[in-house]
């Protein structure tokens, strides 16, 4: 069962086509749209501000989403939030990527089709133009996202769309095997790509 908690009479909303891992925690004013994926141990704590994942967004393992009272934290359509990232009172634009362990602070706005590199710190109220490559602590815009990088990002997000479906259809809690089978198969699906080989992979 997904860990979903009501507070002050407000309970989370999860679209039936979204997948939320049972170890994720959703509290209060949380709205999860169609075809979203929320990974293990992610936390969406809507006990102060509203938290929104729009259609096709993914929030990966151990991510934290929170905001101050009255603030909205929004990941727009096909937003891609890498492992361990923290979003606080910000807006992530359509088809953008926030890399692993990056932090995006209050009132920051990440323009559509941008990439925030892993481990970056986006300071409060920073406005990032569309299709920007952003790196550093504090983060700064270093250049535009290339066509190749954007295509890579979109391929990765598409795989998370599929992962939401695969998880709903095939994931189940089981007992571990004592040892690996001699003919052990690898996980495979039709659109699997070697995304980890891309020189700019960050989520």
Protein backbone atom coordinates (compact mmCIF):
# COMPACT_ATOMS: atom_id res chain seq x y z
CA UNK A 1 0.00 0.00 0.00
CA UNK A 2 1.21 3.49 -0.87
CA UNK A 3 1.94 5.63 2.21
CA UNK A 4 -0.56 8.47 1.78
CA UNK A 5 -1.48 10.74 4.68
CA UNK A 6 -4.21 13.33 5.14
CA UNK A 7 -3.45 16.44 7.19
CA UNK A 8 -5.82 19.29 8.11
CA UNK A 9 -8.51 17.52 6.11
CA UNK A 10 -6.47 17.60 2.87
CA UNK A 11 -5.34 14.35 1.31
CA UNK A 12 -3.05 13.63 -1.66
CA UNK A 13 -4.41 13.03 -5.16
CA UNK A 14 -2.82 10.33 -7.34
CA UNK A 15 -4.03 9.72 -10.89
CA UNK A 16 -4.84 6.04 -11.55
CA UNK A 17 -2.22 5.85 -14.31
CA UNK A 18 0.59 7.10 -12.03
CA UNK A 19 2.88 4.71 -10.19
CA UNK A 20 3.95 5.49 -6.61
CA UNK A 21 6.33 3.06 -4.93
CA UNK A 22 4.99 1.72 -1.61
CA UNK A 23 7.95 3.17 0.33
CA UNK A 24 7.36 6.70 -0.97
CA UNK A 25 5.49 9.08 1.35
CA UNK A 26 2.81 11.56 0.23
CA UNK A 27 1.39 13.97 2.80
CA UNK A 28 -1.41 16.51 2.46
CA UNK A 29 -1.66 18.91 -0.49
CA UNK A 30 0.00 16.71 -3.12
CA UNK A 31 -1.30 16.29 -6.68
CA UNK A 32 0.24 13.59 -8.87
CA UNK A 33 -0.85 13.66 -12.49
CA UNK A 34 -1.25 11.00 -15.19
CA UNK A 35 1.65 8.70 -16.12
CA UNK A 36 3.92 9.96 -13.35
CA UNK A 37 6.51 7.78 -11.64
CA UNK A 38 7.51 8.23 -7.98
CA UNK A 39 10.42 6.06 -6.86
CA UNK A 40 11.32 4.31 -3.61
CA UNK A 41 11.74 6.48 -0.49
CA UNK A 42 10.72 9.70 -2.23
CA UNK A 43 8.99 12.25 0.02
CA UNK A 44 6.34 14.74 -1.07
CA UNK A 45 5.47 16.61 2.11
CA UNK A 46 2.53 18.90 1.35
CA UNK A 47 1.96 19.95 4.95
CA UNK A 48 2.78 23.63 4.23
CA UNK A 49 2.59 24.39 0.48
CA UNK A 50 1.07 22.61 -2.53
CA UNK A 51 3.17 20.06 -4.44
CA UNK A 52 2.30 19.18 -8.05
CA UNK A 53 3.70 16.64 -10.49
CA UNK A 54 2.18 17.26 -13.91
CA UNK A 55 1.62 14.59 -16.55
CA UNK A 56 4.55 12.30 -17.30
CA UNK A 57 6.87 13.72 -14.63
CA UNK A 58 9.10 11.43 -12.63
CA UNK A 59 10.47 11.80 -9.10
CA UNK A 60 13.19 9.26 -8.44
CA UNK A 61 14.56 7.49 -5.35
CA UNK A 62 15.03 9.54 -2.14
CA UNK A 63 13.95 12.85 -3.69
CA UNK A 64 12.41 15.41 -1.34
CA UNK A 65 9.74 17.91 -2.36
CA UNK A 66 8.51 20.56 0.08
CA UNK A 67 7.65 24.27 0.22
CA UNK A 68 6.81 27.13 2.52
CA UNK A 69 3.18 27.92 3.51
CA UNK A 70 1.20 29.25 0.56
CA UNK A 71 3.90 28.32 -1.96
CA UNK A 72 3.53 25.90 -4.85
CA UNK A 73 6.27 23.47 -5.86
CA UNK A 74 5.57 22.33 -9.41
CA UNK A 75 7.22 19.90 -11.79
CA UNK A 76 5.69 20.55 -15.18
CA UNK A 77 4.87 18.02 -17.92
CA UNK A 78 7.66 15.45 -18.48
CA UNK A 79 9.88 16.95 -15.79
CA UNK A 80 12.62 14.51 -14.80
CA UNK A 81 13.94 14.66 -11.22
CA UNK A 82 17.06 12.54 -10.61
CA UNK A 83 17.95 10.45 -7.59
CA UNK A 84 18.28 12.35 -4.33
CA UNK A 85 17.33 15.79 -5.65
CA UNK A 86 15.63 18.34 -3.38
CA UNK A 87 12.96 20.76 -4.65
CA UNK A 88 11.70 23.47 -2.31
CA UNK A 89 9.07 25.98 -3.39
CA UNK A 90 10.30 26.12 -7.00
CA UNK A 91 8.98 25.50 -10.51
CA UNK A 92 10.63 23.03 -12.88
CA UNK A 93 9.68 23.76 -16.48
CA UNK A 94 8.23 21.39 -19.03
CA UNK A 95 10.61 18.68 -20.25
CA UNK A 96 13.46 19.79 -17.94
CA UNK A 97 15.84 17.59 -15.99
CA UNK A 98 17.17 18.08 -12.45
CA UNK A 99 20.24 15.89 -11.94
CA UNK A 100 21.17 13.63 -9.05
CA UNK A 101 21.53 15.31 -5.66
CA UNK A 102 20.87 18.78 -7.08
CA UNK A 103 18.98 21.32 -4.95
CA UNK A 104 16.52 23.88 -6.34
CA UNK A 105 15.44 26.52 -3.83
CA UNK A 106 12.40 28.72 -3.20
CA UNK A 107 10.95 30.87 -5.98
CA UNK A 108 13.50 29.58 -8.48
CA UNK A 109 12.08 28.99 -11.96
CA UNK A 110 13.76 26.52 -14.28
CA UNK A 111 12.85 27.23 -17.89
CA UNK A 112 11.51 24.49 -20.12
CA UNK A 113 13.93 21.97 -21.71
CA UNK A 114 16.72 22.92 -19.30
CA UNK A 115 19.19 20.58 -17.61
CA UNK A 116 20.39 21.15 -14.05
CA UNK A 117 23.61 19.17 -13.64
CA UNK A 118 24.09 16.70 -10.81
CA UNK A 119 25.10 18.23 -7.45
CA UNK A 120 24.19 21.77 -8.53
CA UNK A 121 22.69 24.30 -6.10
CA UNK A 122 20.10 26.61 -7.67
CA UNK A 123 19.70 29.53 -5.28
CA UNK A 124 16.39 31.07 -4.25
CA UNK A 125 14.63 33.27 -6.83
CA UNK A 126 17.03 32.33 -9.67
CA UNK A 127 15.29 32.58 -13.06
CA UNK A 128 16.74 30.17 -15.61
CA UNK A 129 15.94 30.79 -19.28
CA UNK A 130 14.50 27.96 -21.39
CA UNK A 131 16.88 25.31 -22.72
CA UNK A 132 19.74 26.24 -20.39
CA UNK A 133 22.56 23.97 -19.22
CA UNK A 134 23.06 24.86 -15.55
CA UNK A 135 25.98 23.75 -13.36
CA UNK A 136 27.75 24.55 -10.13
CA UNK A 137 27.38 25.61 -6.51
CA UNK A 138 25.96 28.15 -6.73
CA UNK A 139 24.55 27.22 -10.11
CA UNK A 140 25.03 29.32 -13.21
CA UNK A 141 23.96 29.03 -16.82
CA UNK A 142 26.96 27.81 -18.82
CA UNK A 143 25.42 27.38 -22.29
CA UNK A 144 22.37 26.15 -24.17
CA UNK A 145 21.26 22.53 -24.16
CA UNK A 146 22.20 20.87 -27.45
CA UNK A 147 19.80 18.93 -29.66
CA UNK A 148 21.65 15.71 -28.79
CA UNK A 149 21.35 16.38 -25.04
CA UNK A 150 17.67 17.20 -25.32
CA UNK A 151 17.04 14.02 -27.29
CA UNK A 152 18.90 12.03 -24.62
CA UNK A 153 16.83 13.64 -21.88
CA UNK A 154 13.57 12.90 -23.69
CA UNK A 155 14.59 9.27 -24.22
CA UNK A 156 15.30 8.88 -20.52
CA UNK A 157 11.97 10.41 -19.55
CA UNK A 158 10.18 8.12 -21.99
CA UNK A 159 11.76 5.16 -20.25
CA UNK A 160 10.32 6.39 -16.95
CA UNK A 161 6.90 6.59 -18.60
CA UNK A 162 7.35 2.93 -19.46
CA UNK A 163 8.72 2.15 -16.00
CA UNK A 164 5.50 3.42 -14.43
CA UNK A 165 3.56 0.93 -16.56
CA UNK A 166 6.03 -1.94 -15.99
CA UNK A 167 5.96 -1.30 -12.25
CA UNK A 168 2.17 -1.36 -12.08
CA UNK A 169 2.03 -4.52 -14.17
CA UNK A 170 4.90 -6.62 -12.82
CA UNK A 171 6.34 -5.31 -9.54
CA UNK A 172 5.42 -7.33 -6.47
CA UNK A 173 6.92 -8.00 -3.06
CA UNK A 174 8.66 -11.39 -2.92
CA UNK A 175 11.24 -13.36 -0.95
CA UNK A 176 14.84 -13.06 -2.18
CA UNK A 177 16.50 -16.07 -3.80
CA UNK A 178 19.38 -17.67 -1.91
CA UNK A 179 21.62 -17.57 -4.99
CA UNK A 180 21.53 -16.46 -8.61
CA UNK A 181 20.13 -18.87 -11.19
CA UNK A 182 22.71 -20.27 -13.67
CA UNK A 183 20.77 -18.82 -16.62
CA UNK A 184 19.73 -15.59 -14.87
CA UNK A 185 18.16 -13.16 -17.34
CA UNK A 186 18.69 -9.38 -17.46
CA UNK A 187 15.84 -6.88 -17.31
CA UNK A 188 14.96 -5.98 -20.88
CA UNK A 189 12.23 -4.09 -22.65
CA UNK A 190 11.80 -2.90 -26.22
CA UNK A 191 12.97 0.71 -25.85
CA UNK A 192 15.95 0.01 -23.54
CA UNK A 193 18.89 2.25 -24.45
CA UNK A 194 22.38 2.52 -22.95
CA UNK A 195 21.68 5.94 -21.43
CA UNK A 196 24.47 5.54 -18.89
CA UNK A 197 27.00 5.77 -21.75
CA UNK A 198 26.01 9.36 -22.58
CA UNK A 199 28.80 11.76 -21.59
CA UNK A 200 26.34 14.13 -19.87
CA UNK A 201 24.27 11.53 -18.04
CA UNK A 202 23.21 12.97 -14.70
CA UNK A 203 20.01 11.26 -13.59
